[in-house]
């Protein structure tokens, strides 16, 4: 791959976006010298349904990237727009549409350890493996049981040095449900948005128990 001219694709539910998402995208962009990273917010995730609406998740990613102030990071809403038109939006269609828009461009899909392990269950994963590089943010010492299968299919898997962060979207949602603070888990703009809209069930004016 020609690092300085490659574009990263960072797809996910971002339900909600949190600090580990941002750290993964920055690590991949820095280490692979990506000129852009497109944050593709999924509308109808195949493997796990989203809790918040696509509109909420898009806005939270927009707020997170606005706060980050990294010109390489770009919001991409093509999958949610496709869903709004009643179309399905698997990852291979996302890559196809990007290839049509920018022919001869090299693409790098940024993904975590869990996504890499499940990659061979994605629709048309062999075609995806042959048409993009996989940038894998793995925990130290983690194995890649499907790596031989990916390599046999023609995939190039590039490891990204990434310090494991235990934060997860489900942890953020659990804290909100318990009226606990999330300021250390998500960008400030996202925390304010969640507090204002009560996206995950907690009332918009939720406060910590016994707070004054």
C-alpha atoms as a PDB file:
ATOM      1  CA  UNK A   1       0.000   0.000   0.000  1.00  0.00           C
ATOM      2  CA  UNK A   2       1.052   3.588  -0.649  1.00  0.00           C
ATOM      3  CA  UNK A   3       0.441   4.963   2.828  1.00  0.00           C
ATOM      4  CA  UNK A   4       0.508   8.696   2.172  1.00  0.00           C
ATOM      5  CA  UNK A   5      -2.165   8.424  -0.534  1.00  0.00           C
ATOM      6  CA  UNK A   6      -4.446   5.894   1.139  1.00  0.00           C
ATOM      7  CA  UNK A   7      -7.826   6.667   2.683  1.00  0.00           C
ATOM      8  CA  UNK A   8      -9.102   4.938   5.777  1.00  0.00           C
ATOM      9  CA  UNK A   9     -12.645   3.690   6.259  1.00  0.00           C
ATOM     10  CA  UNK A  10     -13.764   3.458   9.871  1.00  0.00           C
ATOM     11  CA  UNK A  11     -17.189   1.882   9.961  1.00  0.00           C
ATOM     12  CA  UNK A  12     -19.384   1.095  12.925  1.00  0.00           C
ATOM     13  CA  UNK A  13     -22.546   1.702  14.888  1.00  0.00           C
ATOM     14  CA  UNK A  14     -20.885   4.283  17.186  1.00  0.00           C
ATOM     15  CA  UNK A  15     -23.680   3.717  19.662  1.00  0.00           C
ATOM     16  CA  UNK A  16     -22.415   6.076  21.058  1.00  0.00           C
ATOM     17  CA  UNK A  17     -18.996   7.157  19.829  1.00  0.00           C
ATOM     18  CA  UNK A  18     -16.432   7.117  22.653  1.00  0.00           C
ATOM     19  CA  UNK A  19     -12.756   7.721  23.410  1.00  0.00           C
ATOM     20  CA  UNK A  20     -11.549   4.304  22.188  1.00  0.00           C
ATOM     21  CA  UNK A  21     -13.104   4.902  18.755  1.00  0.00           C
ATOM     22  CA  UNK A  22     -11.197   8.162  18.489  1.00  0.00           C
ATOM     23  CA  UNK A  23      -7.944   6.579  19.662  1.00  0.00           C
ATOM     24  CA  UNK A  24      -8.263   3.785  17.077  1.00  0.00           C
ATOM     25  CA  UNK A  25      -8.889   6.174  14.193  1.00  0.00           C
ATOM     26  CA  UNK A  26      -5.997   8.435  15.199  1.00  0.00           C
ATOM     27  CA  UNK A  27      -3.594   5.515  15.693  1.00  0.00           C
ATOM     28  CA  UNK A  28      -4.374   4.137  12.232  1.00  0.00           C
ATOM     29  CA  UNK A  29      -4.148   7.560  10.579  1.00  0.00           C
ATOM     30  CA  UNK A  30      -0.830   8.338  12.260  1.00  0.00           C
ATOM     31  CA  UNK A  31       0.866   4.977  11.780  1.00  0.00           C
ATOM     32  CA  UNK A  32      -0.284   4.473   8.175  1.00  0.00           C
ATOM     33  CA  UNK A  33      -0.040   8.170   7.273  1.00  0.00           C
ATOM     34  CA  UNK A  34      -3.584   8.147   5.909  1.00  0.00           C
ATOM     35  CA  UNK A  35      -4.629  11.339   4.178  1.00  0.00           C
ATOM     36  CA  UNK A  36      -8.242  10.889   5.307  1.00  0.00           C
ATOM     37  CA  UNK A  37     -10.332   8.676   7.572  1.00  0.00           C
ATOM     38  CA  UNK A  38     -14.014   8.377   6.653  1.00  0.00           C
ATOM     39  CA  UNK A  39     -16.233   7.633   9.645  1.00  0.00           C
ATOM     40  CA  UNK A  40     -19.025   5.551   8.086  1.00  0.00           C
ATOM     41  CA  UNK A  41     -21.958   5.342  10.493  1.00  0.00           C
ATOM     42  CA  UNK A  42     -23.962   2.167   9.878  1.00  0.00           C
ATOM     43  CA  UNK A  43     -27.737   2.375   9.729  1.00  0.00           C
ATOM     44  CA  UNK A  44     -28.827  -1.255   9.908  1.00  0.00           C
ATOM     45  CA  UNK A  45     -25.888  -3.228  11.281  1.00  0.00           C
ATOM     46  CA  UNK A  46     -26.079  -6.887  10.257  1.00  0.00           C
ATOM     47  CA  UNK A  47     -24.350  -8.493  13.245  1.00  0.00           C
ATOM     48  CA  UNK A  48     -25.776  -6.360  16.034  1.00  0.00           C
ATOM     49  CA  UNK A  49     -28.654  -3.910  15.999  1.00  0.00           C
ATOM     50  CA  UNK A  50     -28.041  -0.327  17.075  1.00  0.00           C
ATOM     51  CA  UNK A  51     -29.851   1.104  20.098  1.00  0.00           C
ATOM     52  CA  UNK A  52     -29.955   4.786  19.124  1.00  0.00           C
ATOM     53  CA  UNK A  53     -31.353   6.009  15.822  1.00  0.00           C
ATOM     54  CA  UNK A  54     -29.021   6.653  12.890  1.00  0.00           C
ATOM     55  CA  UNK A  55     -29.802  10.361  13.171  1.00  0.00           C
ATOM     56  CA  UNK A  56     -28.635  10.510  16.786  1.00  0.00           C
ATOM     57  CA  UNK A  57     -25.498   8.480  16.073  1.00  0.00           C
ATOM     58  CA  UNK A  58     -24.588  10.602  13.050  1.00  0.00           C
ATOM     59  CA  UNK A  59     -24.937  13.788  15.068  1.00  0.00           C
ATOM     60  CA  UNK A  60     -22.843  12.434  17.922  1.00  0.00           C
ATOM     61  CA  UNK A  61     -20.029  11.466  15.548  1.00  0.00           C
ATOM     62  CA  UNK A  62     -20.258  14.899  13.928  1.00  0.00           C
ATOM     63  CA  UNK A  63     -19.917  16.543  17.340  1.00  0.00           C
ATOM     64  CA  UNK A  64     -16.997  14.286  18.291  1.00  0.00           C
ATOM     65  CA  UNK A  65     -15.096  15.075  15.085  1.00  0.00           C
ATOM     66  CA  UNK A  66     -15.850  18.776  15.389  1.00  0.00           C
ATOM     67  CA  UNK A  67     -14.352  18.718  18.870  1.00  0.00           C
ATOM     68  CA  UNK A  68     -11.362  16.633  17.747  1.00  0.00           C
ATOM     69  CA  UNK A  69     -10.347  19.246  15.154  1.00  0.00           C
ATOM     70  CA  UNK A  70      -8.349  16.755  13.068  1.00  0.00           C
ATOM     71  CA  UNK A  71      -8.800  17.638   9.368  1.00  0.00           C
ATOM     72  CA  UNK A  72      -8.144  14.034   8.362  1.00  0.00           C
ATOM     73  CA  UNK A  73     -11.311  12.839  10.094  1.00  0.00           C
ATOM     74  CA  UNK A  74     -14.472  13.086   7.954  1.00  0.00           C
ATOM     75  CA  UNK A  75     -18.064  12.028   8.612  1.00  0.00           C
ATOM     76  CA  UNK A  76     -19.590   9.828   5.897  1.00  0.00           C
ATOM     77  CA  UNK A  77     -23.358   9.280   5.958  1.00  0.00           C
ATOM     78  CA  UNK A  78     -23.771   7.183   2.800  1.00  0.00           C
ATOM     79  CA  UNK A  79     -24.980   4.066   4.653  1.00  0.00           C
ATOM     80  CA  UNK A  80     -27.628   5.916   6.648  1.00  0.00           C
ATOM     81  CA  UNK A  81     -28.759   7.749   3.503  1.00  0.00           C
ATOM     82  CA  UNK A  82     -29.068   4.401   1.696  1.00  0.00           C
ATOM     83  CA  UNK A  83     -31.181   3.018   4.535  1.00  0.00           C
ATOM     84  CA  UNK A  84     -33.427   6.093   4.408  1.00  0.00           C
ATOM     85  CA  UNK A  85     -34.067   5.269   0.738  1.00  0.00           C
ATOM     86  CA  UNK A  86     -35.051   1.733   1.713  1.00  0.00           C
ATOM     87  CA  UNK A  87     -31.823   0.172   0.435  1.00  0.00           C
ATOM     88  CA  UNK A  88     -29.630  -2.306   2.264  1.00  0.00           C
ATOM     89  CA  UNK A  89     -26.136  -1.118   3.075  1.00  0.00           C
ATOM     90  CA  UNK A  90     -23.588  -3.925   3.557  1.00  0.00           C
ATOM     91  CA  UNK A  91     -19.923  -2.953   3.711  1.00  0.00           C
ATOM     92  CA  UNK A  92     -19.102  -4.183   0.206  1.00  0.00           C
ATOM     93  CA  UNK A  93     -21.620  -1.714  -1.283  1.00  0.00           C
ATOM     94  CA  UNK A  94     -19.999   1.079   0.704  1.00  0.00           C
ATOM     95  CA  UNK A  95     -16.605   0.222  -0.755  1.00  0.00           C
ATOM     96  CA  UNK A  96     -18.062  -0.103  -4.252  1.00  0.00           C
ATOM     97  CA  UNK A  97     -19.603   3.357  -4.041  1.00  0.00           C
ATOM     98  CA  UNK A  98     -16.321   4.826  -2.800  1.00  0.00           C
ATOM     99  CA  UNK A  99     -14.423   3.141  -5.635  1.00  0.00           C
ATOM    100  CA  UNK A 100     -16.832   4.669  -8.141  1.00  0.00           C
ATOM    101  CA  UNK A 101     -16.351   8.120  -6.650  1.00  0.00           C
ATOM    102  CA  UNK A 102     -12.556   7.860  -6.411  1.00  0.00           C
ATOM    103  CA  UNK A 103     -11.183   5.361  -8.930  1.00  0.00           C
ATOM    104  CA  UNK A 104      -7.588   4.129  -8.490  1.00  0.00           C
ATOM    105  CA  UNK A 105      -7.685   5.082  -4.805  1.00  0.00           C
ATOM    106  CA  UNK A 106      -6.196   2.740  -2.205  1.00  0.00           C
ATOM    107  CA  UNK A 107      -8.539   1.948   0.692  1.00  0.00           C
ATOM    108  CA  UNK A 108      -7.793   0.825   4.236  1.00  0.00           C
ATOM    109  CA  UNK A 109     -10.548  -0.529   6.487  1.00  0.00           C
ATOM    110  CA  UNK A 110      -9.830   0.198  10.147  1.00  0.00           C
ATOM    111  CA  UNK A 111     -11.282  -2.366  12.509  1.00  0.00           C
ATOM    112  CA  UNK A 112     -10.924  -3.748  15.996  1.00  0.00           C
ATOM    113  CA  UNK A 113     -10.029  -7.243  17.101  1.00  0.00           C
ATOM    114  CA  UNK A 114     -13.652  -8.384  17.363  1.00  0.00           C
ATOM    115  CA  UNK A 115     -14.468  -7.145  13.856  1.00  0.00           C
ATOM    116  CA  UNK A 116     -11.377  -8.817  12.417  1.00  0.00           C
ATOM    117  CA  UNK A 117     -12.363 -12.144  13.974  1.00  0.00           C
ATOM    118  CA  UNK A 118     -15.835 -11.812  12.406  1.00  0.00           C
ATOM    119  CA  UNK A 119     -14.628 -10.511   9.044  1.00  0.00           C
ATOM    120  CA  UNK A 120     -15.123 -13.815   7.219  1.00  0.00           C
ATOM    121  CA  UNK A 121     -18.855 -13.625   8.047  1.00  0.00           C
ATOM    122  CA  UNK A 122     -19.276 -10.287   6.213  1.00  0.00           C
ATOM    123  CA  UNK A 123     -21.149 -10.296   2.912  1.00  0.00           C
ATOM    124  CA  UNK A 124     -18.717 -10.826  -0.003  1.00  0.00           C
ATOM    125  CA  UNK A 125     -15.791 -10.787   2.396  1.00  0.00           C
ATOM    126  CA  UNK A 126     -13.452 -12.365  -0.185  1.00  0.00           C
ATOM    127  CA  UNK A 127     -14.063  -9.467  -2.568  1.00  0.00           C
ATOM    128  CA  UNK A 128     -13.549  -6.991   0.263  1.00  0.00           C
ATOM    129  CA  UNK A 129     -10.292  -8.733   1.224  1.00  0.00           C
ATOM    130  CA  UNK A 130      -8.973  -8.310  -2.300  1.00  0.00           C
ATOM    131  CA  UNK A 131      -9.966  -4.670  -2.675  1.00  0.00           C
ATOM    132  CA  UNK A 132      -8.761  -3.053   0.533  1.00  0.00           C
ATOM    133  CA  UNK A 133      -6.142  -3.348   3.257  1.00  0.00           C
ATOM    134  CA  UNK A 134      -7.315  -4.364   6.724  1.00  0.00           C
ATOM    135  CA  UNK A 135      -5.786  -2.245   9.496  1.00  0.00           C
ATOM    136  CA  UNK A 136      -6.268  -4.252  12.681  1.00  0.00           C
ATOM    137  CA  UNK A 137      -6.110  -2.635  16.122  1.00  0.00           C
ATOM    138  CA  UNK A 138      -5.398  -5.659  18.288  1.00  0.00           C
ATOM    139  CA  UNK A 139      -4.842  -6.207  21.962  1.00  0.00           C
ATOM    140  CA  UNK A 140      -1.299  -7.287  22.884  1.00  0.00           C
ATOM    141  CA  UNK A 141      -0.922 -11.047  22.538  1.00  0.00           C
ATOM    142  CA  UNK A 142      -4.295 -11.500  20.821  1.00  0.00           C
ATOM    143  CA  UNK A 143      -4.515 -14.204  18.211  1.00  0.00           C
ATOM    144  CA  UNK A 144      -5.961 -14.065  14.712  1.00  0.00           C
ATOM    145  CA  UNK A 145      -7.619 -17.421  14.158  1.00  0.00           C
ATOM    146  CA  UNK A 146      -8.857 -16.473  10.687  1.00  0.00           C
ATOM    147  CA  UNK A 147      -5.592 -14.855   9.486  1.00  0.00           C
ATOM    148  CA  UNK A 148      -4.549 -17.768   7.208  1.00  0.00           C
ATOM    149  CA  UNK A 149      -8.002 -17.699   5.600  1.00  0.00           C
ATOM    150  CA  UNK A 150      -7.778 -13.940   5.040  1.00  0.00           C
ATOM    151  CA  UNK A 151      -4.301 -14.181   3.522  1.00  0.00           C
ATOM    152  CA  UNK A 152      -5.383 -17.062   1.277  1.00  0.00           C
ATOM    153  CA  UNK A 153      -8.224 -14.859   0.004  1.00  0.00           C
ATOM    154  CA  UNK A 154      -5.724 -12.168  -0.956  1.00  0.00           C
ATOM    155  CA  UNK A 155      -6.074  -9.827   2.003  1.00  0.00           C
ATOM    156  CA  UNK A 156      -3.290  -7.648   3.340  1.00  0.00           C
ATOM    157  CA  UNK A 157      -3.620  -7.324   7.126  1.00  0.00           C
ATOM    158  CA  UNK A 158      -1.602  -4.524   8.726  1.00  0.00           C
ATOM    159  CA  UNK A 159      -1.319  -4.414  12.541  1.00  0.00           C
ATOM    160  CA  UNK A 160      -1.863  -1.110  14.326  1.00  0.00           C
ATOM    161  CA  UNK A 161      -0.111  -0.541  17.650  1.00  0.00           C
ATOM    162  CA  UNK A 162      -2.939   0.329  19.976  1.00  0.00           C
ATOM    163  CA  UNK A 163      -3.093   0.418  23.747  1.00  0.00           C
ATOM    164  CA  UNK A 164      -6.189  -1.540  24.715  1.00  0.00           C
ATOM    165  CA  UNK A 165      -8.944   0.608  26.224  1.00  0.00           C
ATOM    166  CA  UNK A 166     -11.716  -1.214  28.117  1.00  0.00           C
ATOM    167  CA  UNK A 167     -14.341   1.427  27.371  1.00  0.00           C
ATOM    168  CA  UNK A 168     -17.270   0.275  25.231  1.00  0.00           C
ATOM    169  CA  UNK A 169     -20.506   1.759  23.951  1.00  0.00           C
ATOM    170  CA  UNK A 170     -22.464  -0.614  26.194  1.00  0.00           C
ATOM    171  CA  UNK A 171     -20.538   0.716  29.201  1.00  0.00           C
ATOM    172  CA  UNK A 172     -21.535   4.273  28.275  1.00  0.00           C
ATOM    173  CA  UNK A 173     -25.167   3.232  27.955  1.00  0.00           C
ATOM    174  CA  UNK A 174     -25.066   1.404  31.288  1.00  0.00           C
ATOM    175  CA  UNK A 175     -23.686   4.459  33.049  1.00  0.00           C
ATOM    176  CA  UNK A 176     -26.395   6.632  31.545  1.00  0.00           C
ATOM    177  CA  UNK A 177     -29.074   4.175  32.629  1.00  0.00           C
ATOM    178  CA  UNK A 178     -27.685   4.389  36.161  1.00  0.00           C
ATOM    179  CA  UNK A 179     -27.546   8.197  36.046  1.00  0.00           C
ATOM    180  CA  UNK A 180     -23.746   8.058  36.389  1.00  0.00           C
ATOM    181  CA  UNK A 181     -21.287  10.474  34.734  1.00  0.00           C
ATOM    182  CA  UNK A 182     -19.778   9.651  31.336  1.00  0.00           C
ATOM    183  CA  UNK A 183     -17.488  12.652  30.888  1.00  0.00           C
ATOM    184  CA  UNK A 184     -14.377  10.458  31.047  1.00  0.00           C
ATOM    185  CA  UNK A 185     -15.690   8.118  28.338  1.00  0.00           C
ATOM    186  CA  UNK A 186     -16.966  10.371  25.550  1.00  0.00           C
ATOM    187  CA  UNK A 187     -16.118  13.796  24.085  1.00  0.00           C
ATOM    188  CA  UNK A 188     -17.683  16.735  25.904  1.00  0.00           C
ATOM    189  CA  UNK A 189     -19.976  17.587  23.005  1.00  0.00           C
ATOM    190  CA  UNK A 190     -21.315  14.026  22.955  1.00  0.00           C
ATOM    191  CA  UNK A 191     -21.879  14.063  26.723  1.00  0.00           C
ATOM    192  CA  UNK A 192     -23.834  17.316  26.415  1.00  0.00           C
ATOM    193  CA  UNK A 193     -25.880  15.930  23.521  1.00  0.00           C
ATOM    194  CA  UNK A 194     -26.780  12.799  25.465  1.00  0.00           C
ATOM    195  CA  UNK A 195     -27.712  14.843  28.520  1.00  0.00           C
ATOM    196  CA  UNK A 196     -29.902  17.132  26.428  1.00  0.00           C
ATOM    197  CA  UNK A 197     -31.730  14.407  24.492  1.00  0.00           C
ATOM    198  CA  UNK A 198     -31.849  11.425  26.861  1.00  0.00           C
ATOM    199  CA  UNK A 199     -30.959   9.180  23.933  1.00  0.00           C
ATOM    200  CA  UNK A 200     -30.478   5.943  25.871  1.00  0.00           C
ATOM    201  CA  UNK A 201     -33.465   6.098  28.144  1.00  0.00           C
ATOM    202  CA  UNK A 202     -32.181   8.213  31.017  1.00  0.00           C
ATOM    203  CA  UNK A 203     -34.211  11.416  31.409  1.00  0.00           C
ATOM    204  CA  UNK A 204     -32.537  14.496  29.894  1.00  0.00           C
ATOM    205  CA  UNK A 205     -32.162  16.055  33.350  1.00  0.00           C
ATOM    206  CA  UNK A 206     -30.693  12.888  34.906  1.00  0.00           C
ATOM    207  CA  UNK A 207     -28.266  13.516  37.731  1.00  0.00           C
ATOM    208  CA  UNK A 208     -26.139  11.240  39.829  1.00  0.00           C
ATOM    209  CA  UNK A 209     -27.901   9.669  42.816  1.00  0.00           C
ATOM    210  CA  UNK A 210     -27.586  11.759  45.976  1.00  0.00           C
ATOM    211  CA  UNK A 211     -26.052  14.641  43.982  1.00  0.00           C
ATOM    212  CA  UNK A 212     -26.675  18.203  45.130  1.00  0.00           C
END
